[in-house]
C-alpha cells in the first residue's frame, strides 16, 4: 500500500515499506537456496546498505557472516568518477569464501566495478552482488548483478538507507527527492 503522507521533501514514494519487505523476502529465499551448501559472507557497503543488509540478512535462512566496507569515490557533487579509496576495509579474510556484496543502489556502476575487482583479487571462491535498487539508465559500465530488488528510473532517490547530504536515510520507504532540495 502506498505511503499516504511522505516526508515534505519527498516528491513521491517510489517503493513503500511493504514492497521492499516482500522483495527482500523473495531475494533472501533465493539466496538461501543458491548458497544452501556453502553460506556466503555478506559484505555491506557503508553507509547506504545498512538497512538493506539488516533486513536481507534476516530473510536468509542460513548461518551467514556479515562484514562491512566503506569506500569513497572522488567526483564532483553527485557524480562518481570511479576513482575509489577504501575508508573501512573488511575485518576478516575472504580467501576461499563465497562473498555476496550487499548494495543499496547501483547508479553508474563505476565504484562497484572497482570494488568487485578489489575483492576478487583477494582469492574468494566467488563474488556476487545483491542490490535493492538499480538504475539501468544511469549505468556507465556493465555489471553482472545476481540479485536485484527493483530497477528504478534515473531519479534522485532517498530513504531506506539512501541519503542526500547524510539526511533521509531513516525514511522507511524509497522516495524521489524534490528537485528544489538538491538543485539549490
C-alpha atoms as a PDB file:
ATOM      1  CA  UNK A   1       0.000   0.000   0.000  1.00  0.00           C
ATOM      2  CA  UNK A   2       1.421   3.426  -0.920  1.00  0.00           C
ATOM      3  CA  UNK A   3       2.685   5.773   1.751  1.00  0.00           C
ATOM      4  CA  UNK A   4      -0.009   8.422   2.146  1.00  0.00           C
ATOM      5  CA  UNK A   5       1.996  11.062   3.995  1.00  0.00           C
ATOM      6  CA  UNK A   6       5.605  11.092   2.816  1.00  0.00           C
ATOM      7  CA  UNK A   7       8.209  13.462   4.176  1.00  0.00           C
ATOM      8  CA  UNK A   8       7.615  17.025   2.904  1.00  0.00           C
ATOM      9  CA  UNK A   9      10.885  16.877   0.904  1.00  0.00           C
ATOM     10  CA  UNK A  10       9.669  13.791  -0.980  1.00  0.00           C
ATOM     11  CA  UNK A  11       8.033  14.345  -4.358  1.00  0.00           C
ATOM     12  CA  UNK A  12       6.533  10.847  -4.372  1.00  0.00           C
ATOM     13  CA  UNK A  13       7.035   7.421  -2.852  1.00  0.00           C
ATOM     14  CA  UNK A  14       8.608   5.059  -5.344  1.00  0.00           C
ATOM     15  CA  UNK A  15       8.651   1.905  -3.192  1.00  0.00           C
ATOM     16  CA  UNK A  16       6.762   1.563   0.070  1.00  0.00           C
ATOM     17  CA  UNK A  17       7.731  -0.480   3.124  1.00  0.00           C
ATOM     18  CA  UNK A  18       5.632  -3.482   2.160  1.00  0.00           C
ATOM     19  CA  UNK A  19       7.023  -3.672  -1.373  1.00  0.00           C
ATOM     20  CA  UNK A  20      10.581  -3.556  -0.020  1.00  0.00           C
ATOM     21  CA  UNK A  21       9.875  -6.131   2.696  1.00  0.00           C
ATOM     22  CA  UNK A  22       8.235  -8.564   0.238  1.00  0.00           C
ATOM     23  CA  UNK A  23      11.027  -8.266  -2.326  1.00  0.00           C
ATOM     24  CA  UNK A  24      13.763  -8.762   0.280  1.00  0.00           C
ATOM     25  CA  UNK A  25      11.949 -11.895   1.491  1.00  0.00           C
ATOM     26  CA  UNK A  26      11.979 -13.243  -2.081  1.00  0.00           C
ATOM     27  CA  UNK A  27      15.663 -12.418  -2.509  1.00  0.00           C
ATOM     28  CA  UNK A  28      16.522 -13.957   0.870  1.00  0.00           C
ATOM     29  CA  UNK A  29      14.757 -17.173  -0.083  1.00  0.00           C
ATOM     30  CA  UNK A  30      16.630 -17.345  -3.400  1.00  0.00           C
ATOM     31  CA  UNK A  31      19.975 -16.645  -1.733  1.00  0.00           C
ATOM     32  CA  UNK A  32      19.314 -19.376   0.849  1.00  0.00           C
ATOM     33  CA  UNK A  33      18.593 -21.844  -1.968  1.00  0.00           C
ATOM     34  CA  UNK A  34      21.623 -20.817  -4.024  1.00  0.00           C
ATOM     35  CA  UNK A  35      24.047 -20.989  -1.096  1.00  0.00           C
ATOM     36  CA  UNK A  36      22.490 -23.879   0.868  1.00  0.00           C
ATOM     37  CA  UNK A  37      25.692 -25.943   0.734  1.00  0.00           C
ATOM     38  CA  UNK A  38      28.128 -23.128   1.486  1.00  0.00           C
ATOM     39  CA  UNK A  39      26.715 -19.928   3.004  1.00  0.00           C
ATOM     40  CA  UNK A  40      28.246 -16.639   1.874  1.00  0.00           C
ATOM     41  CA  UNK A  41      29.786 -13.870   3.869  1.00  0.00           C
ATOM     42  CA  UNK A  42      27.643 -10.781   3.337  1.00  0.00           C
ATOM     43  CA  UNK A  43      29.682  -7.647   2.678  1.00  0.00           C
ATOM     44  CA  UNK A  44      27.689  -4.489   3.178  1.00  0.00           C
ATOM     45  CA  UNK A  45      28.832  -1.254   1.620  1.00  0.00           C
ATOM     46  CA  UNK A  46      28.557   1.576   4.140  1.00  0.00           C
ATOM     47  CA  UNK A  47      26.606   3.669   4.783  1.00  0.00           C
ATOM     48  CA  UNK A  48      23.752   3.173   2.368  1.00  0.00           C
ATOM     49  CA  UNK A  49      23.463  -0.592   2.614  1.00  0.00           C
ATOM     50  CA  UNK A  50      22.835  -0.704   6.377  1.00  0.00           C
ATOM     51  CA  UNK A  51      19.043  -1.057   6.090  1.00  0.00           C
ATOM     52  CA  UNK A  52      19.186  -3.483   3.160  1.00  0.00           C
ATOM     53  CA  UNK A  53      21.857  -5.600   4.844  1.00  0.00           C
ATOM     54  CA  UNK A  54      19.961  -5.867   8.125  1.00  0.00           C
ATOM     55  CA  UNK A  55      16.621  -6.721   6.545  1.00  0.00           C
ATOM     56  CA  UNK A  56      18.023  -9.018   3.849  1.00  0.00           C
ATOM     57  CA  UNK A  57      20.190 -10.965   6.325  1.00  0.00           C
ATOM     58  CA  UNK A  58      17.106 -11.716   8.429  1.00  0.00           C
ATOM     59  CA  UNK A  59      15.454 -13.232   5.349  1.00  0.00           C
ATOM     60  CA  UNK A  60      18.305 -15.657   4.585  1.00  0.00           C
ATOM     61  CA  UNK A  61      17.638 -18.927   6.395  1.00  0.00           C
ATOM     62  CA  UNK A  62      21.308 -19.868   6.676  1.00  0.00           C
ATOM     63  CA  UNK A  63      24.191 -19.152   9.005  1.00  0.00           C
ATOM     64  CA  UNK A  64      25.697 -16.085   7.378  1.00  0.00           C
ATOM     65  CA  UNK A  65      28.534 -13.882   8.493  1.00  0.00           C
ATOM     66  CA  UNK A  66      28.450 -10.146   7.919  1.00  0.00           C
ATOM     67  CA  UNK A  67      31.258  -7.709   7.331  1.00  0.00           C
ATOM     68  CA  UNK A  68      31.422  -4.118   6.146  1.00  0.00           C
ATOM     69  CA  UNK A  69      33.398  -1.933   3.805  1.00  0.00           C
ATOM     70  CA  UNK A  70      33.272   1.800   3.325  1.00  0.00           C
ATOM     71  CA  UNK A  71      34.558   3.232   0.087  1.00  0.00           C
ATOM     72  CA  UNK A  72      34.625   6.737  -1.266  1.00  0.00           C
ATOM     73  CA  UNK A  73      34.665   7.723  -4.894  1.00  0.00           C
ATOM     74  CA  UNK A  74      36.047  11.039  -5.967  1.00  0.00           C
ATOM     75  CA  UNK A  75      33.942  13.173  -8.210  1.00  0.00           C
ATOM     76  CA  UNK A  76      32.028  16.401  -8.447  1.00  0.00           C
ATOM     77  CA  UNK A  77      28.811  16.704  -6.457  1.00  0.00           C
ATOM     78  CA  UNK A  78      26.520  13.770  -7.082  1.00  0.00           C
ATOM     79  CA  UNK A  79      28.647  12.292  -9.902  1.00  0.00           C
ATOM     80  CA  UNK A  80      31.118   9.462  -9.381  1.00  0.00           C
ATOM     81  CA  UNK A  81      34.460   9.439 -11.170  1.00  0.00           C
ATOM     82  CA  UNK A  82      35.222   5.800 -10.433  1.00  0.00           C
ATOM     83  CA  UNK A  83      38.425   6.756  -8.573  1.00  0.00           C
ATOM     84  CA  UNK A  84      37.946   4.942  -5.285  1.00  0.00           C
ATOM     85  CA  UNK A  85      39.628   4.716  -1.922  1.00  0.00           C
ATOM     86  CA  UNK A  86      38.880   2.368   0.974  1.00  0.00           C
ATOM     87  CA  UNK A  87      37.753   4.146   4.137  1.00  0.00           C
ATOM     88  CA  UNK A  88      36.991   0.931   6.080  1.00  0.00           C
ATOM     89  CA  UNK A  89      38.228  -2.450   4.942  1.00  0.00           C
ATOM     90  CA  UNK A  90      36.922  -5.913   5.743  1.00  0.00           C
ATOM     91  CA  UNK A  91      37.657  -7.246   9.209  1.00  0.00           C
ATOM     92  CA  UNK A  92      38.263 -10.805   8.052  1.00  0.00           C
ATOM     93  CA  UNK A  93      39.877 -12.866   5.315  1.00  0.00           C
ATOM     94  CA  UNK A  94      37.674 -13.880   2.367  1.00  0.00           C
ATOM     95  CA  UNK A  95      40.114 -16.335   0.759  1.00  0.00           C
ATOM     96  CA  UNK A  96      38.192 -19.358  -0.497  1.00  0.00           C
ATOM     97  CA  UNK A  97      34.842 -17.953   0.653  1.00  0.00           C
ATOM     98  CA  UNK A  98      31.634 -17.122  -1.175  1.00  0.00           C
ATOM     99  CA  UNK A  99      31.193 -13.365  -0.947  1.00  0.00           C
ATOM    100  CA  UNK A 100      27.899 -11.585  -1.505  1.00  0.00           C
ATOM    101  CA  UNK A 101      28.233  -7.809  -1.777  1.00  0.00           C
ATOM    102  CA  UNK A 102      25.093  -6.099  -0.481  1.00  0.00           C
ATOM    103  CA  UNK A 103      24.378  -2.695  -2.010  1.00  0.00           C
ATOM    104  CA  UNK A 104      21.594  -0.183  -1.591  1.00  0.00           C
ATOM    105  CA  UNK A 105      21.728   1.170  -5.150  1.00  0.00           C
ATOM    106  CA  UNK A 106      23.703   0.806  -8.345  1.00  0.00           C
ATOM    107  CA  UNK A 107      23.952   4.025 -10.347  1.00  0.00           C
ATOM    108  CA  UNK A 108      26.883   4.366 -12.742  1.00  0.00           C
ATOM    109  CA  UNK A 109      28.448   1.105 -11.547  1.00  0.00           C
ATOM    110  CA  UNK A 110      31.940   2.650 -11.505  1.00  0.00           C
ATOM    111  CA  UNK A 111      32.549   2.264  -7.760  1.00  0.00           C
ATOM    112  CA  UNK A 112      31.050  -1.229  -7.720  1.00  0.00           C
ATOM    113  CA  UNK A 113      33.248  -2.304 -10.653  1.00  0.00           C
ATOM    114  CA  UNK A 114      36.294  -1.210  -8.663  1.00  0.00           C
ATOM    115  CA  UNK A 115      35.029  -2.995  -5.535  1.00  0.00           C
ATOM    116  CA  UNK A 116      34.421  -6.228  -7.451  1.00  0.00           C
ATOM    117  CA  UNK A 117      37.964  -6.156  -8.820  1.00  0.00           C
ATOM    118  CA  UNK A 118      39.397  -5.424  -5.379  1.00  0.00           C
ATOM    119  CA  UNK A 119      37.506  -8.256  -3.670  1.00  0.00           C
ATOM    120  CA  UNK A 120      38.216 -10.761  -6.468  1.00  0.00           C
ATOM    121  CA  UNK A 121      41.938 -10.060  -6.070  1.00  0.00           C
ATOM    122  CA  UNK A 122      41.729 -11.440  -2.511  1.00  0.00           C
ATOM    123  CA  UNK A 123      41.129 -15.041  -3.608  1.00  0.00           C
ATOM    124  CA  UNK A 124      37.475 -15.693  -2.746  1.00  0.00           C
ATOM    125  CA  UNK A 125      35.665 -18.732  -4.121  1.00  0.00           C
ATOM    126  CA  UNK A 126      33.023 -16.432  -5.650  1.00  0.00           C
ATOM    127  CA  UNK A 127      31.869 -12.814  -5.558  1.00  0.00           C
ATOM    128  CA  UNK A 128      28.269 -11.906  -6.380  1.00  0.00           C
ATOM    129  CA  UNK A 129      26.117  -8.833  -5.864  1.00  0.00           C
ATOM    130  CA  UNK A 130      22.740  -8.229  -4.260  1.00  0.00           C
ATOM    131  CA  UNK A 131      21.328  -4.735  -4.720  1.00  0.00           C
ATOM    132  CA  UNK A 132      17.999  -3.359  -3.617  1.00  0.00           C
ATOM    133  CA  UNK A 133      17.914  -0.820  -6.447  1.00  0.00           C
ATOM    134  CA  UNK A 134      19.447  -0.466  -9.882  1.00  0.00           C
ATOM    135  CA  UNK A 135      19.196   2.463 -12.290  1.00  0.00           C
ATOM    136  CA  UNK A 136      19.742   0.897 -15.731  1.00  0.00           C
ATOM    137  CA  UNK A 137      19.607   4.298 -17.455  1.00  0.00           C
ATOM    138  CA  UNK A 138      22.477   5.623 -15.313  1.00  0.00           C
ATOM    139  CA  UNK A 139      24.864   2.704 -15.959  1.00  0.00           C
ATOM    140  CA  UNK A 140      28.262   3.652 -17.344  1.00  0.00           C
ATOM    141  CA  UNK A 141      29.757   0.152 -17.043  1.00  0.00           C
ATOM    142  CA  UNK A 142      28.230  -3.294 -17.371  1.00  0.00           C
ATOM    143  CA  UNK A 143      27.971  -5.040 -14.000  1.00  0.00           C
ATOM    144  CA  UNK A 144      26.545  -8.537 -13.590  1.00  0.00           C
ATOM    145  CA  UNK A 145      24.155  -8.318 -10.623  1.00  0.00           C
ATOM    146  CA  UNK A 146      22.848 -11.693  -9.462  1.00  0.00           C
ATOM    147  CA  UNK A 147      20.116 -10.409  -7.122  1.00  0.00           C
ATOM    148  CA  UNK A 148      18.196  -7.231  -7.954  1.00  0.00           C
ATOM    149  CA  UNK A 149      15.353  -5.891  -5.886  1.00  0.00           C
ATOM    150  CA  UNK A 150      13.997  -3.286  -8.277  1.00  0.00           C
ATOM    151  CA  UNK A 151      15.015  -1.467 -11.432  1.00  0.00           C
ATOM    152  CA  UNK A 152      14.082   2.181 -11.000  1.00  0.00           C
ATOM    153  CA  UNK A 153      14.121   5.319 -13.165  1.00  0.00           C
ATOM    154  CA  UNK A 154      17.161   7.591 -13.160  1.00  0.00           C
ATOM    155  CA  UNK A 155      15.832   9.928 -10.468  1.00  0.00           C
ATOM    156  CA  UNK A 156      17.359  11.134  -7.197  1.00  0.00           C
ATOM    157  CA  UNK A 157      16.011   8.769  -4.535  1.00  0.00           C
ATOM    158  CA  UNK A 158      16.252   8.836  -0.753  1.00  0.00           C
ATOM    159  CA  UNK A 159      15.121   6.742   2.169  1.00  0.00           C
ATOM    160  CA  UNK A 160      15.744   3.186   3.314  1.00  0.00           C
ATOM    161  CA  UNK A 161      19.454   3.937   3.723  1.00  0.00           C
ATOM    162  CA  UNK A 162      19.771   6.313   0.770  1.00  0.00           C
ATOM    163  CA  UNK A 163      20.689   9.870   1.607  1.00  0.00           C
ATOM    164  CA  UNK A 164      21.140  13.387   0.414  1.00  0.00           C
ATOM    165  CA  UNK A 165      23.773  15.250   2.457  1.00  0.00           C
ATOM    166  CA  UNK A 166      23.540  12.485   5.121  1.00  0.00           C
ATOM    167  CA  UNK A 167      19.808  13.106   5.633  1.00  0.00           C
ATOM    168  CA  UNK A 168      16.712  10.971   4.932  1.00  0.00           C
ATOM    169  CA  UNK A 169      18.404   7.552   5.420  1.00  0.00           C
ATOM    170  CA  UNK A 170      15.866   6.729   8.139  1.00  0.00           C
ATOM    171  CA  UNK A 171      12.768   7.019   5.947  1.00  0.00           C
ATOM    172  CA  UNK A 172      11.107   3.572   5.810  1.00  0.00           C
ATOM    173  CA  UNK A 173      10.418   3.812   2.061  1.00  0.00           C
ATOM    174  CA  UNK A 174      12.248   4.846  -1.108  1.00  0.00           C
ATOM    175  CA  UNK A 175      11.095   8.231  -2.340  1.00  0.00           C
ATOM    176  CA  UNK A 176      12.014  10.678  -5.066  1.00  0.00           C
ATOM    177  CA  UNK A 177      13.592  13.802  -3.571  1.00  0.00           C
ATOM    178  CA  UNK A 178      12.102  17.123  -4.637  1.00  0.00           C
ATOM    179  CA  UNK A 179      14.380  18.743  -7.227  1.00  0.00           C
ATOM    180  CA  UNK A 180      14.258  22.036  -5.330  1.00  0.00           C
ATOM    181  CA  UNK A 181      16.117  20.377  -2.424  1.00  0.00           C
ATOM    182  CA  UNK A 182      19.199  19.306  -4.370  1.00  0.00           C
ATOM    183  CA  UNK A 183      19.301  21.886  -7.154  1.00  0.00           C
ATOM    184  CA  UNK A 184      19.542  24.907  -4.831  1.00  0.00           C
END
